[in-house]
C-alpha atoms as a PDB file:
ATOM      1  CA  MET A   1      17.851 -14.301   1.024  1.00  0.00           C
ATOM      2  CA  LEU A   2      14.340 -13.137  -0.442  1.00  0.00           C
ATOM      3  CA  SER A   3      13.403  -9.425   0.106  1.00  0.00           C
ATOM      4  CA  ILE A   4       9.973  -8.116  -0.978  1.00  0.00           C
ATOM      5  CA  SER A   5       9.176  -4.111  -1.223  1.00  0.00           C
ATOM      6  CA  LEU A   6       5.979  -2.766  -2.522  1.00  0.00           C
ATOM      7  CA  SER A   7       4.959   0.193  -2.635  1.00  0.00           C
ATOM      8  CA  ILE A   8       1.650   2.005  -3.853  1.00  0.00           C
ATOM      9  CA  GLY A   9       1.424   5.614  -2.916  1.00  0.00           C
ATOM     10  CA  PRO A  10       2.328   6.223   0.855  1.00  0.00           C
ATOM     11  CA  VAL A  11       1.700   2.588   1.266  1.00  0.00           C
ATOM     12  CA  ASN A  12       4.761   0.142   1.706  1.00  0.00           C
ATOM     13  CA  THR A  13       5.118  -3.231   2.668  1.00  0.00           C
ATOM     14  CA  GLN A  14       8.391  -5.070   2.967  1.00  0.00           C
ATOM     15  CA  MET A  15       9.215  -8.854   3.347  1.00  0.00           C
ATOM     16  CA  GLN A  16      12.417 -10.723   4.018  1.00  0.00           C
ATOM     17  CA  THR A  17      13.568 -14.005   4.688  1.00  0.00           C
ATOM     18  CA  ASP A  18      16.280 -16.056   4.741  1.00  0.00           C
ATOM     19  CA  GLU A  19      14.649 -19.353   4.290  1.00  0.00           C
ATOM     20  CA  ARG A  20      15.128 -21.529   0.793  1.00  0.00           C
ATOM     21  CA  LEU A  21      11.953 -21.022  -0.770  1.00  0.00           C
ATOM     22  CA  SER A  22      10.403 -22.849  -3.790  1.00  0.00           C
ATOM     23  CA  PHE A  23       8.443 -21.579  -6.646  1.00  0.00           C
ATOM     24  CA  ASP A  24       4.840 -21.672  -4.617  1.00  0.00           C
ATOM     25  CA  GLY A  25       6.330 -20.051  -1.122  1.00  0.00           C
ATOM     26  CA  ILE A  26       7.499 -17.228  -3.580  1.00  0.00           C
ATOM     27  CA  GLU A  27       4.468 -16.590  -5.182  1.00  0.00           C
ATOM     28  CA  THR A  28       2.693 -16.977  -2.033  1.00  0.00           C
ATOM     29  CA  LEU A  29       4.742 -14.257  -0.549  1.00  0.00           C
ATOM     30  CA  LEU A  30       4.332 -12.475  -3.448  1.00  0.00           C
ATOM     31  CA  ASN A  31       0.555 -12.757  -3.183  1.00  0.00           C
ATOM     32  CA  ARG A  32       0.584 -12.061   0.277  1.00  0.00           C
ATOM     33  CA  ALA A  33       2.723  -8.401   0.205  1.00  0.00           C
ATOM     34  CA  SER A  34       0.344  -7.476  -2.867  1.00  0.00           C
ATOM     35  CA  ILE A  35      -2.916  -8.104  -0.919  1.00  0.00           C
ATOM     36  CA  THR A  36      -1.649  -6.682   2.235  1.00  0.00           C
ATOM     37  CA  THR A  37      -0.453  -3.335   0.186  1.00  0.00           C
ATOM     38  CA  LEU A  38      -3.782  -2.794  -1.678  1.00  0.00           C
ATOM     39  CA  THR A  39      -5.824  -3.025   1.550  1.00  0.00           C
ATOM     40  CA  MET A  40      -3.889  -0.972   3.482  1.00  0.00           C
ATOM     41  CA  PHE A  41      -3.745   1.915  -0.011  1.00  0.00           C
ATOM     42  CA  ASN A  42      -7.571   1.407   0.046  1.00  0.00           C
ATOM     43  CA  ALA A  43      -8.182   1.967   3.862  1.00  0.00           C
ATOM     44  CA  HIS A  44      -5.691   4.817   3.537  1.00  0.00           C
ATOM     45  CA  LEU A  45      -7.981   6.459   0.734  1.00  0.00           C
ATOM     46  CA  GLY A  46     -11.061   5.299   2.471  1.00  0.00           C
ATOM     47  CA  ALA A  47     -10.402   7.241   5.467  1.00  0.00           C
ATOM     48  CA  MET A  48      -9.323  10.509   3.946  1.00  0.00           C
ATOM     49  CA  VAL A  49     -13.180  10.202   2.458  1.00  0.00           C
ATOM     50  CA  LYS A  50     -14.663   8.974   5.790  1.00  0.00           C
ATOM     51  CA  TYR A  51     -13.098  11.652   7.891  1.00  0.00           C
ATOM     52  CA  GLU A  52     -13.669  14.530   5.341  1.00  0.00           C
ATOM     53  CA  ASN A  53      -9.903  15.214   5.801  1.00  0.00           C
ATOM     54  CA  TYR A  54      -9.045  15.535   2.229  1.00  0.00           C
ATOM     55  CA  ASP A  55      -9.453  19.517   2.421  1.00  0.00           C
ATOM     56  CA  GLU A  56      -6.320  19.573   4.797  1.00  0.00           C
ATOM     57  CA  ASP A  57      -2.570  19.488   4.099  1.00  0.00           C
ATOM     58  CA  HIS A  58      -1.634  16.474   2.343  1.00  0.00           C
ATOM     59  CA  GLU A  59       1.752  14.581   2.805  1.00  0.00           C
ATOM     60  CA  CYS A  60       0.680  12.184  -0.443  1.00  0.00           C
ATOM     61  CA  GLU A  61       0.100  12.494  -4.134  1.00  0.00           C
ATOM     62  CA  GLU A  62      -2.953  10.665  -4.118  1.00  0.00           C
ATOM     63  CA  CYS A  63      -4.074  12.524  -1.402  1.00  0.00           C
ATOM     64  CA  GLN A  64      -3.350  16.049  -3.366  1.00  0.00           C
ATOM     65  CA  ALA A  65      -5.408  14.008  -6.047  1.00  0.00           C
ATOM     66  CA  LEU A  66      -8.294  12.994  -4.281  1.00  0.00           C
ATOM     67  CA  ASN A  67      -8.567  16.979  -3.183  1.00  0.00           C
ATOM     68  CA  GLU A  68      -8.553  17.963  -6.661  1.00  0.00           C
ATOM     69  CA  GLU A  69     -10.981  15.925  -7.720  1.00  0.00           C
ATOM     70  CA  THR A  70     -13.383  16.691  -4.926  1.00  0.00           C
ATOM     71  CA  GLU A  71     -13.187  20.386  -5.197  1.00  0.00           C
END
């Protein structure tokens, strides 16, 4: 069984498989997990700036840091 869990700030991507994988298969899953996590993290921070709700109560450290930078 292969289990991949990637976290960036509040974004977490998890992938699991019971299939036998070649090294190329594992590399493909790692790339997909990385791209997905980075895309979602970018969307998370982008939404904070776009909707200007960074001055409200924050749940993640990255949002708090963004709020402190914009003040």
